Structure formats: C-alpha cells, structure tokens
Amino acid sequence: MIDFYSWWTPNGWKIGIMLEECGLEYTVHPVNIGAGDQFSDEFLKISPNNRIPAIVDRDGPGGKPLSIFESGAILQYLGRKTGKFYPGDEAARAKVDEWLMWQMGGFGPMLGQAHHFLLYAPNIEKREGALDYGQNRYRNEAHRLYGILDDQLTDNEFVAGELSIADFAIYPWAIPHKLQDVDFDEFPNVNRWFETLRARPKVQAGYNILKKERDEARELASDEAAKNLFGAKQMERHRKAD
C-alpha cells in the first residue's frame, strides 16, 4: 500500500497516472496547497521542500516504509519497483531519463511560469503593462518547448519510443495548454500524442483522483492562496525558525 500525498496539479497528476497504470494500491491524502496544508509539520517530514506530490511506500526496500518527494524521483522509484514503464535496458532507460529530465528541468518549470504570469499574476499585479515582459517571455518559451516536443514525436509514437514514465511526466503539463496560450493546431504531433494518452482509461483515472476537490476549489488567486502558493508563507516559516 502506498500513501499518496497530492493535490490537483500537473505534478500530482503524474503520480496518480503512474499509480493507476501500474495497478498499485494506494490511499490518497489531499494536500490543499491553496489553504497551506503543505506547511504542516506532518507533511514537511515527508516532503521537506513543502511541495506535492510525495509518497510513503509502506512496503519499501527490505519491507520498511520509505518516503519519497519530487515527482521525477517518485516516477523512477515506482518504475523500478514494478518493472513497468521504465526499461531495464540501460540504453532505453537513458532515453527515458533524458525526456524525464527535460520535463523536470524545462517543460514543467517554464510552463509553470507561463501559468503564473498569464493566469495568476494579472489578479495580483494590477498595474497596466507591468506584466507584459513576463507574459511574453514565458509564452514564447512555452511555444519553443512544444516545438521541441513536436519534433521528437515526428517519428516516435511516445517521447522515448515506448510508453514510459517520461510520457506520464510530460502529459499533465500539456493538459492546461490553452492557459499557456498554446494552440495544438500548431503542433500536430503533440496533439496526436496527447489524444493517445488521454484515451487511456487509467490515465483518466489518475487525472481524476482529486476531481471532487478540483471541482469544489475556491479561486486560486485569492490573497491567502497566493500567499501560500507563491512563496510568502515559506519565507515566513524560515524567518520564524531563525
């Protein structure tokens, strides 16, 4: 049994999809990041970076519980544990790791910035024109990254050849592509790949793990949610510790 600590975000969806595709038993523990649940002492023992997702595998190596944070590390661990979606052959695994690291280092962080400046920041920063640079910067970077992904998918059904954790890592960040000002008509290979993954029942099951919480969510750009999501609460925690 795996304890799964998450919220309805792309990084959380990655692990939900992996758990479903691997057929693992798990218990969901919602961590409402807009309400500041990620700063609780209990959660910080599992994820010291106060970020979701995190897991606790009650049947870890040697039969002992093991906690893991960072979505890429979790995907690799679950791939090794189950022998699924993470090749044993070193050359094939290296290709999966390339695209997993590409997502972790670029596709996720840059699209996250696009979300911030295009969706959240206009409700926080009211001055006309103040956001133009940030919006243009990350809109353009989003298009550049989708172009790289589209090229990779020209001759590959999935990003590393066979379906893998790299696809599960990248796909959730492509779900809100319209919020990134990205039109899939410009990226036909990405669109084909995206629809292939979306048609998988277990991908949909993983995406919908926290559907009730997502449907009932309050506006994420409220003042309190912004404080919890965008760093002010974290800075306060460290100041108190000092």
Protein backbone atom coordinates (compact mmCIF):
# COMPACT_ATOMS: atom_id res chain seq x y z
CA MET A 1 0.00 0.00 0.00
CA ILE A 2 1.25 3.45 -0.90
CA ASP A 3 0.23 6.66 0.84
CA PHE A 4 -0.11 9.31 -1.87
CA TYR A 5 0.06 12.96 -0.80
CA SER A 6 -1.10 15.23 -3.57
CA TRP A 7 -3.28 17.98 -4.96
CA TRP A 8 -4.83 18.55 -8.38
CA THR A 9 -1.80 19.93 -10.19
CA PRO A 10 0.26 18.59 -13.12
CA ASN A 11 2.97 17.27 -10.81
CA GLY A 12 0.35 15.48 -8.73
CA TRP A 13 -1.37 14.08 -11.82
CA LYS A 14 1.91 12.47 -12.91
CA ILE A 15 1.97 10.18 -9.90
CA GLY A 16 -1.75 9.45 -9.96
CA ILE A 17 -1.40 8.29 -13.56
CA MET A 18 1.62 6.13 -12.71
CA LEU A 19 -0.10 4.50 -9.74
CA GLU A 20 -3.14 3.67 -11.87
CA GLU A 21 -1.15 2.41 -14.85
CA CYS A 22 0.97 0.19 -12.58
CA GLY A 23 -2.09 -1.18 -10.78
CA LEU A 24 -0.69 -0.29 -7.35
CA GLU A 25 -2.85 0.01 -4.27
CA TYR A 26 -2.78 3.47 -2.74
CA THR A 27 -4.50 5.77 -0.29
CA VAL A 28 -4.91 9.43 -1.26
CA HIS A 29 -4.12 12.15 1.25
CA PRO A 30 -5.24 15.52 -0.18
CA VAL A 31 -2.79 18.36 0.49
CA ASN A 32 -4.66 21.61 -0.21
CA ILE A 33 -1.83 23.88 -1.30
CA GLY A 34 -4.12 26.89 -1.59
CA ALA A 35 -5.03 26.51 2.08
CA GLY A 36 -1.41 25.97 3.15
CA ASP A 37 -1.58 22.27 4.05
CA GLN A 38 1.90 21.82 2.57
CA PHE A 39 3.38 23.68 5.53
CA SER A 40 2.08 21.29 8.17
CA ASP A 41 4.69 19.58 10.32
CA GLU A 42 3.34 16.17 9.30
CA PHE A 43 3.75 16.85 5.59
CA LEU A 44 7.16 18.50 5.95
CA LYS A 45 8.52 15.30 7.48
CA ILE A 46 7.71 13.60 4.18
CA SER A 47 8.41 16.49 1.80
CA PRO A 48 10.89 18.96 3.32
CA ASN A 49 10.63 21.18 0.23
CA ASN A 50 6.92 21.71 1.08
CA ARG A 51 5.83 20.63 -2.41
CA ILE A 52 3.46 17.96 -3.65
CA PRO A 53 3.49 15.16 -4.63
CA ALA A 54 5.06 12.83 -2.10
CA ILE A 55 4.56 9.17 -1.27
CA VAL A 56 5.20 6.78 1.55
CA ASP A 57 5.65 3.20 0.40
CA ARG A 58 4.75 1.08 3.41
CA ASP A 59 6.44 -1.89 1.76
CA GLY A 60 9.69 -0.24 0.74
CA PRO A 61 13.12 -1.87 0.38
CA GLY A 62 13.60 -4.56 2.98
CA GLY A 63 9.91 -4.33 3.85
CA LYS A 64 10.45 -0.99 5.62
CA PRO A 65 8.46 2.22 4.96
CA LEU A 66 10.13 4.65 2.59
CA SER A 67 9.08 8.25 1.93
CA ILE A 68 9.94 9.99 -1.34
CA PHE A 69 9.36 13.54 -2.58
CA GLU A 70 9.94 15.10 -6.04
CA SER A 71 7.75 13.73 -8.81
CA GLY A 72 10.62 12.55 -11.02
CA ALA A 73 12.20 10.57 -8.21
CA ILE A 74 8.82 9.02 -7.41
CA LEU A 75 8.26 8.00 -11.04
CA GLN A 76 11.68 6.38 -11.23
CA TYR A 77 11.17 4.57 -7.94
CA LEU A 78 7.77 3.22 -8.92
CA GLY A 79 9.15 2.20 -12.31
CA ARG A 80 11.95 0.21 -10.65
CA LYS A 81 9.61 -1.22 -8.03
CA THR A 82 7.08 -2.55 -10.54
CA GLY A 83 9.28 -3.09 -13.59
CA LYS A 84 6.76 -1.08 -15.65
CA PHE A 85 7.21 1.96 -17.91
CA TYR A 86 10.91 2.26 -17.01
CA PRO A 87 13.12 -0.01 -19.14
CA GLY A 88 15.66 -2.32 -17.61
CA ASP A 89 17.91 -2.00 -20.66
CA GLU A 90 20.40 0.79 -19.93
CA ALA A 91 20.29 2.40 -23.38
CA ALA A 92 16.47 2.50 -23.39
CA ARG A 93 16.42 3.78 -19.80
CA ALA A 94 18.84 6.57 -20.69
CA LYS A 95 16.41 7.77 -23.37
CA VAL A 96 13.55 7.79 -20.87
CA ASP A 97 15.70 9.67 -18.36
CA GLU A 98 16.62 12.28 -21.00
CA TRP A 99 12.99 13.22 -21.51
CA LEU A 100 12.11 12.91 -17.86
CA MET A 101 14.89 15.40 -17.02
CA TRP A 102 13.75 17.61 -19.92
CA GLN A 103 10.33 17.77 -18.33
CA MET A 104 11.65 18.32 -14.83
CA GLY A 105 14.17 20.98 -15.82
CA GLY A 106 12.30 22.81 -18.57
CA PHE A 107 8.83 21.80 -19.67
CA GLY A 108 7.31 21.85 -16.18
CA PRO A 109 9.08 24.89 -14.68
CA MET A 110 8.70 27.07 -17.77
CA LEU A 111 5.05 26.20 -18.29
CA GLY A 112 4.52 26.80 -14.59
CA GLN A 113 5.89 30.31 -15.10
CA ALA A 114 3.58 30.76 -18.09
CA HIS A 115 0.64 29.79 -15.87
CA HIS A 116 1.82 32.26 -13.23
CA PHE A 117 2.18 35.28 -15.48
CA LEU A 118 -0.76 34.57 -17.80
CA LEU A 119 -3.31 33.32 -15.25
CA TYR A 120 -2.48 34.23 -11.65
CA ALA A 121 -0.35 37.36 -11.81
CA PRO A 122 -2.95 39.60 -13.51
CA ASN A 123 -5.13 39.21 -10.42
CA ILE A 124 -2.23 40.08 -8.13
CA GLU A 125 -0.47 42.84 -10.07
CA LYS A 126 -2.97 45.46 -11.23
CA ARG A 127 -0.68 47.98 -12.95
CA GLU A 128 -1.35 48.17 -16.67
CA GLY A 129 1.60 46.94 -18.70
CA ALA A 130 3.55 45.72 -15.69
CA LEU A 131 3.24 42.07 -16.73
CA ASP A 132 3.99 42.35 -20.45
CA TYR A 133 7.60 41.22 -20.22
CA GLY A 134 6.90 38.17 -18.06
CA GLN A 135 3.91 37.13 -20.13
CA ASN A 136 5.77 37.42 -23.44
CA ARG A 137 8.88 35.72 -22.02
CA TYR A 138 7.10 32.59 -20.86
CA ARG A 139 4.55 32.46 -23.67
CA ASN A 140 7.45 32.33 -26.14
CA GLU A 141 9.31 29.75 -24.05
CA ALA A 142 6.19 27.58 -23.93
CA HIS A 143 5.97 27.63 -27.72
CA ARG A 144 9.66 26.80 -28.05
CA LEU A 145 9.32 23.78 -25.75
CA TYR A 146 6.21 22.49 -27.52
CA GLY A 147 8.15 22.78 -30.78
CA ILE A 148 10.91 20.55 -29.39
CA LEU A 149 8.33 18.04 -28.22
CA ASP A 150 6.57 18.11 -31.58
CA ASP A 151 9.85 17.40 -33.39
CA GLN A 152 10.62 14.48 -31.08
CA LEU A 153 7.19 12.99 -31.76
CA THR A 154 7.54 13.21 -35.54
CA ASP A 155 8.91 9.67 -35.80
CA ASN A 156 8.02 8.39 -32.32
CA GLU A 157 4.63 7.32 -31.01
CA PHE A 158 5.79 8.21 -27.49
CA VAL A 159 8.55 10.57 -26.44
CA ALA A 160 11.23 7.93 -25.74
CA GLY A 161 9.93 5.33 -28.20
CA GLU A 162 7.88 3.07 -25.91
CA LEU A 163 5.29 4.35 -23.42
CA SER A 164 7.19 5.34 -20.29
CA ILE A 165 7.35 7.50 -17.20
CA ALA A 166 8.60 10.30 -19.47
CA ASP A 167 5.16 10.44 -21.10
CA PHE A 168 3.45 10.36 -17.72
CA ALA A 169 5.65 13.27 -16.60
CA ILE A 170 5.08 15.46 -19.67
CA TYR A 171 1.41 14.80 -20.40
CA PRO A 172 -0.06 16.50 -17.30
CA TRP A 173 1.72 19.76 -18.13
CA ALA A 174 0.16 19.69 -21.59
CA ILE A 175 -3.38 19.36 -20.20
CA PRO A 176 -3.71 23.11 -19.48
CA HIS A 177 -2.07 24.11 -22.79
CA LYS A 178 -4.77 26.68 -23.53
CA LEU A 179 -3.83 28.53 -20.33
CA GLN A 180 -0.29 28.69 -21.77
CA ASP A 181 -1.63 30.38 -24.95
CA VAL A 182 -0.74 27.25 -26.92
CA ASP A 183 -2.88 26.02 -29.81
CA PHE A 184 -2.35 22.35 -30.63
CA ASP A 185 -3.17 23.06 -34.29
CA GLU A 186 0.41 24.38 -34.44
CA PHE A 187 1.79 21.12 -33.04
CA PRO A 188 0.07 18.18 -34.80
CA ASN A 189 2.42 15.52 -33.43
CA VAL A 190 1.90 16.73 -29.88
CA ASN A 191 -1.85 16.74 -30.48
CA ARG A 192 -1.78 13.13 -31.74
CA TRP A 193 0.33 12.00 -28.75
CA PHE A 194 -1.85 13.93 -26.31
CA GLU A 195 -5.07 12.36 -27.60
CA THR A 196 -3.49 8.88 -27.49
CA LEU A 197 -2.65 9.30 -23.81
CA ARG A 198 -5.94 10.95 -22.94
CA ALA A 199 -7.80 7.96 -24.39
CA ARG A 200 -6.17 5.58 -21.89
CA PRO A 201 -8.68 4.80 -19.11
CA LYS A 202 -6.02 4.61 -16.40
CA VAL A 203 -4.58 7.97 -17.44
CA GLN A 204 -8.03 9.46 -16.97
CA ALA A 205 -8.41 7.65 -13.65
CA GLY A 206 -5.12 9.10 -12.42
CA TYR A 207 -6.08 12.58 -13.56
CA ASN A 208 -9.43 12.36 -11.74
CA ILE A 209 -8.13 11.13 -8.37
CA LEU A 210 -8.85 14.52 -6.77
CA LYS A 211 -11.71 15.53 -9.09
CA LYS A 212 -14.09 16.34 -6.23
CA GLU A 213 -11.56 18.69 -4.64
CA ARG A 214 -10.77 20.25 -8.02
CA ASP A 215 -14.45 20.86 -8.80
CA GLU A 216 -15.06 22.39 -5.38
CA ALA A 217 -11.90 24.53 -5.31
CA ARG A 218 -12.03 28.20 -4.48
CA GLU A 219 -10.36 30.78 -6.68
CA LEU A 220 -6.64 30.02 -6.56
CA ALA A 221 -5.66 33.66 -6.96
CA SER A 222 -7.24 34.77 -3.69
CA ASP A 223 -4.88 36.72 -1.44
CA GLU A 224 -4.49 33.84 1.03
CA ALA A 225 -3.96 31.24 -1.70
CA ALA A 226 -1.39 33.45 -3.43
CA LYS A 227 0.49 33.79 -0.15
CA ASN A 228 0.57 30.01 0.25
CA LEU A 229 1.35 29.24 -3.38
CA PHE A 230 3.92 31.83 -4.32
CA GLY A 231 6.44 31.85 -1.53
CA ALA A 232 5.45 34.37 1.14
CA LYS A 233 4.32 31.67 3.56
CA GLN A 234 7.55 29.75 3.01
CA MET A 235 9.64 32.84 3.78
CA GLU A 236 7.63 33.43 6.96
CA ARG A 237 8.30 29.85 8.09
CA HIS A 238 12.06 30.28 7.70
CA ARG A 239 12.07 33.65 9.45
CA LYS A 240 10.30 32.12 12.44
CA ALA A 241 12.83 29.29 12.51
CA ASP A 242 15.65 31.86 12.62
